[in-house]
PDB file of N, CA and C in Angstrom:
ATOM      1  N   MET A   1      95.825  70.082  66.686  1.00  0.00           N
ATOM      2  CA  MET A   1      96.483  71.366  66.838  1.00  0.00           C
ATOM      3  C   MET A   1      96.930  71.835  65.453  1.00  0.00           C
ATOM      4  N   SER A   2      96.775  73.106  65.183  1.00  0.00           N
ATOM      5  CA  SER A   2      97.189  73.634  63.891  1.00  0.00           C
ATOM      6  C   SER A   2      98.454  74.487  64.029  1.00  0.00           C
ATOM      7  N   CYS A   3      99.207  74.538  62.952  1.00  0.00           N
ATOM      8  CA  CYS A   3     100.455  75.298  62.889  1.00  0.00           C
ATOM      9  C   CYS A   3     100.145  76.790  63.064  1.00  0.00           C
ATOM     10  N   PRO A   4     100.871  77.487  63.949  1.00  0.00           N
ATOM     11  CA  PRO A   4     100.604  78.913  64.157  1.00  0.00           C
ATOM     12  C   PRO A   4     101.020  79.787  62.971  1.00  0.00           C
ATOM     13  N   ILE A   5     101.798  79.242  62.053  1.00  0.00           N
ATOM     14  CA  ILE A   5     102.260  80.019  60.903  1.00  0.00           C
ATOM     15  C   ILE A   5     101.306  79.881  59.713  1.00  0.00           C
ATOM     16  N   CYS A   6     100.965  78.619  59.347  1.00  0.00           N
ATOM     17  CA  CYS A   6     100.166  78.428  58.137  1.00  0.00           C
ATOM     18  C   CYS A   6      98.802  77.787  58.377  1.00  0.00           C
ATOM     19  N   GLY A   7      98.571  77.223  59.570  1.00  0.00           N
ATOM     20  CA  GLY A   7      97.274  76.647  59.891  1.00  0.00           C
ATOM     21  C   GLY A   7      97.118  75.174  59.578  1.00  0.00           C
ATOM     22  N   LYS A   8      98.129  74.544  58.962  1.00  0.00           N
ATOM     23  CA  LYS A   8      98.055  73.108  58.666  1.00  0.00           C
ATOM     24  C   LYS A   8      98.185  72.304  59.954  1.00  0.00           C
ATOM     25  N   ASP A   9      97.883  70.995  59.878  1.00  0.00           N
ATOM     26  CA  ASP A   9      98.054  70.114  61.036  1.00  0.00           C
ATOM     27  C   ASP A   9      99.529  70.011  61.402  1.00  0.00           C
ATOM     28  N   THR A  10      99.829  69.925  62.694  1.00  0.00           N
ATOM     29  CA  THR A  10     101.221  69.862  63.149  1.00  0.00           C
ATOM     30  C   THR A  10     101.777  68.457  63.020  1.00  0.00           C
ATOM     31  N   ARG A  11     103.098  68.381  63.035  1.00  0.00           N
ATOM     32  CA  ARG A  11     103.812  67.098  63.044  1.00  0.00           C
ATOM     33  C   ARG A  11     104.625  67.036  64.329  1.00  0.00           C
ATOM     34  N   ALA A  12     104.704  65.845  64.907  1.00  0.00           N
ATOM     35  CA  ALA A  12     105.377  65.661  66.194  1.00  0.00           C
ATOM     36  C   ALA A  12     106.844  66.093  66.154  1.00  0.00           C
ATOM     37  N   GLU A  13     107.525  65.896  65.026  1.00  0.00           N
ATOM     38  CA  GLU A  13     108.958  66.218  64.932  1.00  0.00           C
ATOM     39  C   GLU A  13     109.247  67.710  65.053  1.00  0.00           C
ATOM     40  N   VAL A  14     108.295  68.518  64.645  1.00  0.00           N
ATOM     41  CA  VAL A  14     108.519  69.963  64.638  1.00  0.00           C
ATOM     42  C   VAL A  14     107.430  70.728  65.382  1.00  0.00           C
ATOM     43  N   ARG A  15     106.692  70.038  66.244  1.00  0.00           N
ATOM     44  CA  ARG A  15     105.581  70.642  66.983  1.00  0.00           C
ATOM     45  C   ARG A  15     106.029  71.911  67.678  1.00  0.00           C
ATOM     46  N   PRO A  16     105.336  72.960  67.656  1.00  0.00           N
ATOM     47  CA  PRO A  16     103.938  73.140  67.288  1.00  0.00           C
ATOM     48  C   PRO A  16     103.741  73.495  65.820  1.00  0.00           C
ATOM     49  N   PHE A  17     104.750  73.267  64.988  1.00  0.00           N
ATOM     50  CA  PHE A  17     104.662  73.623  63.580  1.00  0.00           C
ATOM     51  C   PHE A  17     104.355  72.397  62.729  1.00  0.00           C
ATOM     52  N   CYS A  18     104.081  72.645  61.436  1.00  0.00           N
ATOM     53  CA  CYS A  18     103.787  71.557  60.512  1.00  0.00           C
ATOM     54  C   CYS A  18     105.033  71.133  59.745  1.00  0.00           C
ATOM     55  N   SER A  19     106.040  72.002  59.692  1.00  0.00           N
ATOM     56  CA  SER A  19     107.241  71.713  58.912  1.00  0.00           C
ATOM     57  C   SER A  19     108.422  72.508  59.451  1.00  0.00           C
ATOM     58  N   LYS A  20     109.599  72.134  58.997  1.00  0.00           N
ATOM     59  CA  LYS A  20     110.813  72.864  59.356  1.00  0.00           C
ATOM     60  C   LYS A  20     110.742  74.290  58.798  1.00  0.00           C
ATOM     61  N   ARG A  21     110.131  74.436  57.612  1.00  0.00           N
ATOM     62  CA  ARG A  21     109.999  75.753  57.017  1.00  0.00           C
ATOM     63  C   ARG A  21     109.231  76.698  57.922  1.00  0.00           C
ATOM     64  N   CYS A  22     108.074  76.246  58.436  1.00  0.00           N
ATOM     65  CA  CYS A  22     107.282  77.104  59.318  1.00  0.00           C
ATOM     66  C   CYS A  22     108.036  77.384  60.621  1.00  0.00           C
ATOM     67  N   SER A  23     108.792  76.417  61.091  1.00  0.00           N
ATOM     68  CA  SER A  23     109.616  76.620  62.281  1.00  0.00           C
ATOM     69  C   SER A  23     110.650  77.718  62.024  1.00  0.00           C
ATOM     70  N   ASP A  24     111.272  77.683  60.840  1.00  0.00           N
ATOM     71  CA  ASP A  24     112.268  78.697  60.480  1.00  0.00           C
ATOM     72  C   ASP A  24     111.640  80.076  60.293  1.00  0.00           C
ATOM     73  N   VAL A  25     110.436  80.118  59.741  1.00  0.00           N
ATOM     74  CA  VAL A  25     109.727  81.393  59.593  1.00  0.00           C
ATOM     75  C   VAL A  25     109.499  82.008  60.972  1.00  0.00           C
ATOM     76  N   ASP A  26     109.072  81.183  61.932  1.00  0.00           N
ATOM     77  CA  ASP A  26     108.834  81.672  63.286  1.00  0.00           C
ATOM     78  C   ASP A  26     110.129  82.169  63.925  1.00  0.00           C
ATOM     79  N   LEU A  27     111.209  81.421  63.760  1.00  0.00           N
ATOM     80  CA  LEU A  27     112.495  81.843  64.308  1.00  0.00           C
ATOM     81  C   LEU A  27     112.924  83.173  63.699  1.00  0.00           C
ATOM     82  N   GLY A  28     112.754  83.311  62.402  1.00  0.00           N
ATOM     83  CA  GLY A  28     113.089  84.572  61.744  1.00  0.00           C
ATOM     84  C   GLY A  28     112.294  85.743  62.303  1.00  0.00           C
ATOM     85  N   ARG A  29     111.044  85.497  62.606  1.00  0.00           N
ATOM     86  CA  ARG A  29     110.222  86.571  63.188  1.00  0.00           C
ATOM     87  C   ARG A  29     110.740  86.975  64.565  1.00  0.00           C
ATOM     88  N   TRP A  30     111.174  86.001  65.360  1.00  0.00           N
ATOM     89  CA  TRP A  30     111.739  86.328  66.675  1.00  0.00           C
ATOM     90  C   TRP A  30     113.042  87.114  66.510  1.00  0.00           C
ATOM     91  N   LEU A  31     113.896  86.661  65.598  1.00  0.00           N
ATOM     92  CA  LEU A  31     115.204  87.290  65.447  1.00  0.00           C
ATOM     93  C   LEU A  31     115.140  88.696  64.869  1.00  0.00           C
ATOM     94  N   THR A  32     114.124  88.994  64.098  1.00  0.00           N
ATOM     95  CA  THR A  32     114.011  90.341  63.516  1.00  0.00           C
ATOM     96  C   THR A  32     113.169  91.277  64.365  1.00  0.00           C
ATOM     97  N   GLY A  33     112.665  90.800  65.502  1.00  0.00           N
ATOM     98  CA  GLY A  33     111.906  91.659  66.394  1.00  0.00           C
ATOM     99  C   GLY A  33     110.442  91.786  66.029  1.00  0.00           C
ATOM    100  N   HIS A  34     109.955  90.915  65.163  1.00  0.00           N
ATOM    101  CA  HIS A  34     108.541  90.956  64.778  1.00  0.00           C
ATOM    102  C   HIS A  34     107.653  90.710  65.990  1.00  0.00           C
ATOM    103  N   TYR A  35     108.100  89.805  66.871  1.00  0.00           N
ATOM    104  CA  TYR A  35     107.366  89.532  68.105  1.00  0.00           C
ATOM    105  C   TYR A  35     107.980  90.390  69.206  1.00  0.00           C
ATOM    106  N   ALA A  36     107.152  91.069  69.963  1.00  0.00           N
ATOM    107  CA  ALA A  36     107.650  91.909  71.048  1.00  0.00           C
ATOM    108  C   ALA A  36     106.591  92.014  72.134  1.00  0.00           C
ATOM    109  N   VAL A  37     107.039  92.205  73.345  1.00  0.00           N
ATOM    110  CA  VAL A  37     106.137  92.412  74.474  1.00  0.00           C
ATOM    111  C   VAL A  37     105.955  93.915  74.623  1.00  0.00           C
ATOM    112  N   PRO A  38     104.750  94.407  74.465  1.00  0.00           N
ATOM    113  CA  PRO A  38     104.544  95.852  74.549  1.00  0.00           C
ATOM    114  C   PRO A  38     104.759  96.388  75.966  1.00  0.00           C
ATOM    115  N   SER A  39     105.187  97.626  76.037  1.00  0.00           N
ATOM    116  CA  SER A  39     105.405  98.280  77.320  1.00  0.00           C
ATOM    117  C   SER A  39     104.870  99.702  77.241  1.00  0.00           C
ATOM    118  N   ASP A  40     104.201 100.113  78.296  1.00  0.00           N
ATOM    119  CA  ASP A  40     103.715 101.487  78.374  1.00  0.00           C
ATOM    120  C   ASP A  40     104.694 102.394  79.109  1.00  0.00           C
ATOM    121  N   ASP A  41     105.776 101.820  79.611  1.00  0.00           N
ATOM    122  CA  ASP A  41     106.740 102.566  80.404  1.00  0.00           C
ATOM    123  C   ASP A  41     107.900 103.039  79.525  1.00  0.00           C
ATOM    124  N   PRO A  42     107.971 104.314  79.185  1.00  0.00           N
ATOM    125  CA  PRO A  42     109.044 104.799  78.314  1.00  0.00           C
ATOM    126  C   PRO A  42     110.418 104.741  78.985  1.00  0.00           C
ATOM    127  N   ASP A  43     110.452 104.569  80.296  1.00  0.00           N
ATOM    128  CA  ASP A  43     111.737 104.493  80.989  1.00  0.00           C
ATOM    129  C   ASP A  43     112.396 103.128  80.856  1.00  0.00           C
ATOM    130  N   ASP A  44     111.658 102.115  80.403  1.00  0.00           N
ATOM    131  CA  ASP A  44     112.232 100.787  80.260  1.00  0.00           C
ATOM    132  C   ASP A  44     113.475 100.786  79.388  1.00  0.00           C
ATOM    133  N   ILE A  45     113.423 101.414  78.241  1.00  0.00           N
ATOM    134  CA  ILE A  45     114.544 101.403  77.314  1.00  0.00           C
ATOM    135  C   ILE A  45     115.734 102.160  77.889  1.00  0.00           C
ATOM    136  N   GLU A  46     115.475 103.269  78.553  1.00  0.00           N
ATOM    137  CA  GLU A  46     116.571 104.022  79.139  1.00  0.00           C
ATOM    138  C   GLU A  46     117.264 103.225  80.247  1.00  0.00           C
ATOM    139  N   ALA A  47     116.494 102.558  81.078  1.00  0.00           N
ATOM    140  CA  ALA A  47     117.080 101.751  82.152  1.00  0.00           C
ATOM    141  C   ALA A  47     117.902 100.599  81.578  1.00  0.00           C
ATOM    142  N   ALA A  48     117.413  99.969  80.540  1.00  0.00           N
ATOM    143  CA  ALA A  48     118.146  98.861  79.927  1.00  0.00           C
ATOM    144  C   ALA A  48     119.448  99.352  79.300  1.00  0.00           C
ATOM    145  N   LEU A  49     119.403 100.484  78.622  1.00  0.00           N
ATOM    146  CA  LEU A  49     120.614 101.032  78.017  1.00  0.00           C
ATOM    147  C   LEU A  49     121.645 101.427  79.072  1.00  0.00           C
ATOM    148  N   GLU A  50     121.197 102.065  80.145  1.00  0.00           N
ATOM    149  CA  GLU A  50     122.112 102.449  81.214  1.00  0.00           C
ATOM    150  C   GLU A  50     122.755 101.228  81.858  1.00  0.00           C
ATOM    151  N   ALA A  51     121.969 100.178  82.094  1.00  0.00           N
ATOM    152  CA  ALA A  51     122.501  98.962  82.701  1.00  0.00           C
ATOM    153  C   ALA A  51     123.535  98.310  81.786  1.00  0.00           C
ATOM    154  N   ALA A  52     123.264  98.268  80.516  1.00  0.00           N
ATOM    155  CA  ALA A  52     124.197  97.656  79.567  1.00  0.00           C
ATOM    156  C   ALA A  52     125.484  98.460  79.462  1.00  0.00           C
ATOM    157  N   GLN A  53     125.389  99.781  79.503  1.00  0.00           N
ATOM    158  CA  GLN A  53     126.569 100.621  79.375  1.00  0.00           C
ATOM    159  C   GLN A  53     127.401 100.642  80.650  1.00  0.00           C
ATOM    160  N   SER A  54     126.795 100.376  81.799  1.00  0.00           N
ATOM    161  CA  SER A  54     127.539 100.425  83.058  1.00  0.00           C
ATOM    162  C   SER A  54     128.263  99.122  83.366  1.00  0.00           C
ATOM    163  N   ARG A  55     127.918  98.041  82.665  1.00  0.00           N
ATOM    164  CA  ARG A  55     128.602  96.766  82.900  1.00  0.00           C
ATOM    165  C   ARG A  55     130.000  96.817  82.297  1.00  0.00           C
ATOM    166  N   PRO A  56     130.982  96.300  83.024  1.00  0.00           N
ATOM    167  CA  PRO A  56     132.330  96.251  82.443  1.00  0.00           C
ATOM    168  C   PRO A  56     132.365  95.229  81.322  1.00  0.00           C
ATOM    169  N   ARG A  57     133.049  95.570  80.267  1.00  0.00           N
ATOM    170  CA  ARG A  57     133.181  94.644  79.149  1.00  0.00           C
ATOM    171  C   ARG A  57     134.257  93.614  79.465  1.00  0.00           C
ATOM    172  N   PRO A  58     134.011  92.343  79.132  1.00  0.00           N
ATOM    173  CA  PRO A  58     135.042  91.332  79.380  1.00  0.00           C
ATOM    174  C   PRO A  58     136.209  91.557  78.434  1.00  0.00           C
ATOM    175  N   ASP A  59     137.407  91.267  78.928  1.00  0.00           N
ATOM    176  CA  ASP A  59     138.597  91.388  78.081  1.00  0.00           C
ATOM    177  C   ASP A  59     138.531  90.387  76.955  1.00  0.00           C
ATOM    178  N   ASP A  60     139.005  90.787  75.803  1.00  0.00           N
ATOM    179  CA  ASP A  60     139.020  89.902  74.653  1.00  0.00           C
ATOM    180  C   ASP A  60     140.241  89.005  74.761  1.00  0.00           C
ATOM    181  N   LYS A  61     140.039  87.757  75.085  1.00  0.00           N
ATOM    182  CA  LYS A  61     141.136  86.814  75.322  1.00  0.00           C
ATOM    183  C   LYS A  61     141.633  86.183  74.019  1.00  0.00           C
ATOM    184  N   LEU A  62     140.940  86.426  72.902  1.00  0.00           N
ATOM    185  CA  LEU A  62     141.318  85.771  71.658  1.00  0.00           C
ATOM    186  C   LEU A  62     142.446  86.488  70.933  1.00  0.00           C
ATOM    187  N   HIS A  63     142.662  87.759  71.212  1.00  0.00           N
ATOM    188  CA  HIS A  63     143.667  88.527  70.464  1.00  0.00           C
ATOM    189  C   HIS A  63     144.800  88.941  71.330  1.00  0.00           C
TER     190      HIS A  63
END
Protein backbone atom coordinates (compact mmCIF):
# COMPACT_ATOMS: atom_id res chain seq x y z
CA MET A 1 0.00 0.00 0.00
CA SER A 2 1.32 3.46 -0.80
CA CYS A 3 0.92 6.68 1.16
CA PRO A 4 -1.97 8.78 -0.23
CA ILE A 5 0.05 11.97 0.30
CA CYS A 6 3.50 11.21 -1.14
CA GLY A 7 3.26 7.69 -2.63
CA LYS A 8 5.95 6.05 -0.46
CA ASP A 9 5.39 2.67 1.23
CA THR A 10 3.26 2.90 4.39
CA ARG A 11 4.36 2.11 7.93
CA ALA A 12 2.14 0.22 10.36
CA GLU A 13 2.46 2.90 13.09
CA VAL A 14 0.93 5.60 10.93
CA ARG A 15 -1.01 3.59 8.33
CA PRO A 16 -2.28 4.52 5.77
CA PHE A 17 0.57 7.04 5.71
CA CYS A 18 4.34 6.64 5.52
CA SER A 19 5.17 9.14 8.27
CA LYS A 20 3.73 11.41 10.93
CA ARG A 21 4.43 14.32 8.58
CA CYS A 22 2.16 12.93 5.86
CA SER A 23 -0.47 12.18 8.50
CA ASP A 24 -0.30 15.82 9.64
CA VAL A 25 -0.52 17.08 6.05
CA ASP A 26 -3.71 15.04 5.60
CA LEU A 27 -5.18 16.35 8.86
CA GLY A 28 -4.40 19.90 7.79
CA ARG A 29 -6.23 19.34 4.53
CA TRP A 30 -9.31 18.13 6.41
CA LEU A 31 -9.21 21.04 8.85
CA THR A 32 -8.88 23.70 6.15
CA GLY A 33 -11.72 22.27 4.05
CA HIS A 34 -9.52 21.01 1.22
CA TYR A 35 -11.52 17.77 1.27
CA ALA A 36 -15.26 18.19 0.79
CA VAL A 37 -18.25 16.17 -0.34
CA PRO A 38 -19.78 17.93 -3.32
CA SER A 39 -23.48 18.74 -3.34
CA ASP A 40 -25.73 19.80 -6.18
CA ASP A 41 -28.42 20.99 -3.77
CA PRO A 42 -28.04 24.73 -3.05
CA ASP A 43 -30.56 24.42 -0.21
CA ASP A 44 -28.18 22.28 1.85
CA ILE A 45 -26.26 25.26 3.22
CA GLU A 46 -29.40 27.22 4.01
CA ALA A 47 -30.94 24.29 5.89
CA ALA A 48 -27.75 23.75 7.89
CA LEU A 49 -27.52 27.43 8.80
CA GLU A 50 -31.17 27.59 9.86
CA ALA A 51 -30.78 24.46 12.01
CA ALA A 52 -27.68 25.83 13.71
CA GLN A 53 -29.30 29.20 14.38
CA SER A 54 -32.50 27.68 15.79
CA ARG A 55 -30.71 25.56 18.40
CA PRO A 56 -30.57 27.12 21.85
CA ARG A 57 -27.07 27.96 22.93
CA PRO A 58 -25.89 26.27 26.12
CA ASP A 59 -25.29 28.59 29.05
CA ASP A 60 -21.67 29.39 29.68
CA LYS A 61 -21.01 27.76 33.05
CA LEU A 62 -17.37 28.89 33.24
CA HIS A 63 -18.03 32.59 33.87
